[in-house]
N, C-alpha and C. Protein backbone atom coordinates (compact mmCIF):
# COMPACT_ATOMS: atom_id res chain seq x y z
N MET A 1 56.59 127.79 85.28
CA MET A 1 57.52 128.79 84.76
C MET A 1 58.29 128.25 83.56
N LYS A 2 58.77 127.01 83.68
CA LYS A 2 59.53 126.42 82.59
C LYS A 2 58.68 126.30 81.33
N ARG A 3 57.42 125.90 81.49
CA ARG A 3 56.52 125.76 80.34
C ARG A 3 56.28 127.12 79.69
N ALA A 4 56.16 128.18 80.48
CA ALA A 4 55.96 129.52 79.92
C ALA A 4 57.16 129.94 79.08
N ALA A 5 58.35 129.63 79.55
CA ALA A 5 59.56 129.96 78.79
C ALA A 5 59.61 129.16 77.49
N GLU A 6 59.22 127.90 77.56
CA GLU A 6 59.19 127.07 76.35
C GLU A 6 58.18 127.62 75.34
N ARG A 7 57.02 128.02 75.83
CA ARG A 7 55.99 128.57 74.94
C ARG A 7 56.48 129.85 74.28
N LEU A 8 57.17 130.69 75.05
CA LEU A 8 57.70 131.93 74.48
C LEU A 8 58.73 131.63 73.40
N LEU A 9 59.64 130.71 73.66
CA LEU A 9 60.65 130.35 72.67
C LEU A 9 60.02 129.77 71.41
N GLU A 10 58.99 128.96 71.57
CA GLU A 10 58.28 128.39 70.42
C GLU A 10 57.59 129.49 69.61
N ALA A 11 56.96 130.43 70.32
CA ALA A 11 56.29 131.54 69.64
C ALA A 11 57.30 132.42 68.91
N LEU A 12 58.43 132.67 69.53
CA LEU A 12 59.49 133.45 68.88
C LEU A 12 59.99 132.76 67.62
N ALA A 13 60.12 131.46 67.67
CA ALA A 13 60.62 130.70 66.52
C ALA A 13 59.66 130.78 65.34
N ARG A 14 58.38 130.98 65.61
CA ARG A 14 57.38 131.05 64.54
C ARG A 14 57.28 132.44 63.91
N LEU A 15 57.90 133.43 64.52
CA LEU A 15 57.86 134.78 63.94
C LEU A 15 58.72 134.84 62.68
N PRO A 16 58.34 135.70 61.73
CA PRO A 16 59.25 135.94 60.60
C PRO A 16 60.58 136.48 61.13
N ASP A 17 61.65 136.19 60.43
CA ASP A 17 62.99 136.59 60.89
C ASP A 17 63.09 138.07 61.22
N THR A 18 62.52 138.92 60.36
CA THR A 18 62.65 140.37 60.57
C THR A 18 61.93 140.82 61.84
N GLN A 19 60.79 140.20 62.13
CA GLN A 19 60.04 140.56 63.33
C GLN A 19 60.75 140.03 64.58
N ARG A 20 61.26 138.81 64.50
CA ARG A 20 61.98 138.24 65.64
C ARG A 20 63.22 139.09 65.95
N GLU A 21 63.91 139.51 64.90
CA GLU A 21 65.10 140.33 65.09
C GLU A 21 64.76 141.64 65.78
N ALA A 22 63.72 142.31 65.32
CA ALA A 22 63.30 143.57 65.94
C ALA A 22 62.94 143.37 67.40
N PHE A 23 62.18 142.32 67.68
CA PHE A 23 61.78 142.04 69.06
C PHE A 23 62.99 141.78 69.95
N LEU A 24 63.90 140.95 69.49
CA LEU A 24 65.06 140.61 70.30
C LEU A 24 66.00 141.81 70.49
N LEU A 25 66.14 142.62 69.46
CA LEU A 25 66.97 143.82 69.61
C LEU A 25 66.40 144.76 70.66
N GLN A 26 65.08 144.84 70.72
CA GLN A 26 64.47 145.71 71.73
C GLN A 26 64.57 145.08 73.12
N GLN A 27 64.19 143.82 73.22
CA GLN A 27 64.11 143.17 74.53
C GLN A 27 65.47 142.79 75.10
N GLU A 28 66.30 142.19 74.28
CA GLU A 28 67.60 141.72 74.76
C GLU A 28 68.68 142.79 74.61
N GLY A 29 68.59 143.56 73.52
CA GLY A 29 69.60 144.57 73.26
C GLY A 29 69.27 145.93 73.85
N ASP A 30 68.02 146.07 74.33
CA ASP A 30 67.56 147.32 74.92
C ASP A 30 67.72 148.50 73.95
N LEU A 31 67.48 148.23 72.66
CA LEU A 31 67.61 149.27 71.63
C LEU A 31 66.27 149.99 71.44
N SER A 32 66.36 151.25 71.08
CA SER A 32 65.18 152.03 70.76
C SER A 32 64.74 151.69 69.34
N ILE A 33 63.57 152.15 68.96
CA ILE A 33 63.09 151.91 67.59
C ILE A 33 64.06 152.52 66.58
N GLU A 34 64.55 153.70 66.86
CA GLU A 34 65.52 154.35 65.96
C GLU A 34 66.79 153.50 65.84
N GLU A 35 67.26 152.97 66.95
CA GLU A 35 68.47 152.15 66.95
C GLU A 35 68.23 150.82 66.22
N ILE A 36 67.04 150.26 66.37
CA ILE A 36 66.70 149.03 65.65
C ILE A 36 66.73 149.29 64.15
N GLY A 37 66.14 150.40 63.73
CA GLY A 37 66.15 150.76 62.32
C GLY A 37 67.56 150.91 61.79
N ALA A 38 68.41 151.60 62.55
CA ALA A 38 69.79 151.80 62.12
C ALA A 38 70.55 150.47 62.06
N ALA A 39 70.33 149.62 63.04
CA ALA A 39 71.05 148.34 63.09
C ALA A 39 70.63 147.39 61.97
N THR A 40 69.38 147.51 61.55
CA THR A 40 68.87 146.59 60.53
C THR A 40 68.80 147.23 59.14
N GLY A 41 69.12 148.51 59.06
CA GLY A 41 69.15 149.19 57.76
C GLY A 41 67.79 149.53 57.20
N VAL A 42 66.80 149.73 58.09
CA VAL A 42 65.46 150.11 57.64
C VAL A 42 65.06 151.42 58.30
N SER A 43 63.98 151.98 57.80
CA SER A 43 63.49 153.25 58.38
C SER A 43 62.92 153.02 59.78
N ARG A 44 62.76 154.10 60.49
CA ARG A 44 62.16 154.05 61.83
C ARG A 44 60.77 153.44 61.75
N GLU A 45 59.99 153.84 60.75
CA GLU A 45 58.62 153.35 60.61
C GLU A 45 58.58 151.85 60.32
N THR A 46 59.51 151.37 59.52
CA THR A 46 59.56 149.93 59.24
C THR A 46 59.94 149.16 60.50
N ALA A 47 60.90 149.66 61.23
CA ALA A 47 61.30 149.01 62.48
C ALA A 47 60.13 148.99 63.46
N LYS A 48 59.42 150.10 63.54
CA LYS A 48 58.27 150.20 64.43
C LYS A 48 57.18 149.20 64.04
N SER A 49 56.92 149.07 62.73
CA SER A 49 55.92 148.12 62.25
C SER A 49 56.32 146.69 62.56
N ARG A 50 57.58 146.36 62.33
CA ARG A 50 58.05 145.00 62.60
C ARG A 50 57.88 144.65 64.07
N LEU A 51 58.20 145.59 64.92
CA LEU A 51 58.08 145.36 66.35
C LEU A 51 56.61 145.23 66.75
N ARG A 52 55.77 146.09 66.21
CA ARG A 52 54.33 146.04 66.52
C ARG A 52 53.73 144.70 66.10
N TYR A 53 54.05 144.24 64.88
CA TYR A 53 53.53 142.95 64.42
C TYR A 53 54.06 141.80 65.26
N ALA A 54 55.32 141.86 65.62
CA ALA A 54 55.90 140.80 66.45
C ALA A 54 55.18 140.72 67.79
N LEU A 55 54.96 141.86 68.42
CA LEU A 55 54.28 141.87 69.71
C LEU A 55 52.86 141.35 69.60
N ALA A 56 52.16 141.73 68.55
CA ALA A 56 50.78 141.27 68.36
C ALA A 56 50.74 139.75 68.17
N LYS A 57 51.66 139.22 67.37
CA LYS A 57 51.69 137.77 67.14
C LYS A 57 52.07 137.01 68.41
N LEU A 58 53.01 137.55 69.16
CA LEU A 58 53.40 136.89 70.41
C LEU A 58 52.25 136.90 71.41
N ARG A 59 51.56 138.02 71.53
CA ARG A 59 50.41 138.08 72.43
C ARG A 59 49.36 137.05 72.04
N GLU A 60 49.09 136.99 70.73
CA GLU A 60 48.10 136.04 70.24
C GLU A 60 48.50 134.60 70.56
N GLU A 61 49.74 134.27 70.26
CA GLU A 61 50.23 132.90 70.49
C GLU A 61 50.20 132.54 71.98
N LEU A 62 50.63 133.48 72.82
CA LEU A 62 50.75 133.17 74.24
C LEU A 62 49.41 133.24 74.97
N SER A 63 48.40 133.80 74.33
CA SER A 63 47.07 133.84 74.96
C SER A 63 46.30 132.54 74.75
N LYS A 64 46.78 131.71 73.83
CA LYS A 64 46.13 130.42 73.58
C LYS A 64 46.39 129.49 74.77
N PRO A 65 45.37 128.70 75.10
CA PRO A 65 45.56 127.77 76.25
C PRO A 65 46.56 126.68 75.97
């Protein structure tokens, strides 16, 4: 369990700042895509894209052995 948490933190650190911010606002802040956009000053579509890319990169990183 501890190693999984470390891997997640390492993967998060490798994300671009904007993607990490979107991911954390959704996961930790429980914000909707619209709320993420408002909080970061971007459109709903940009917030959605940032979140989608962040999730894809995290899945890729965490699927590696």
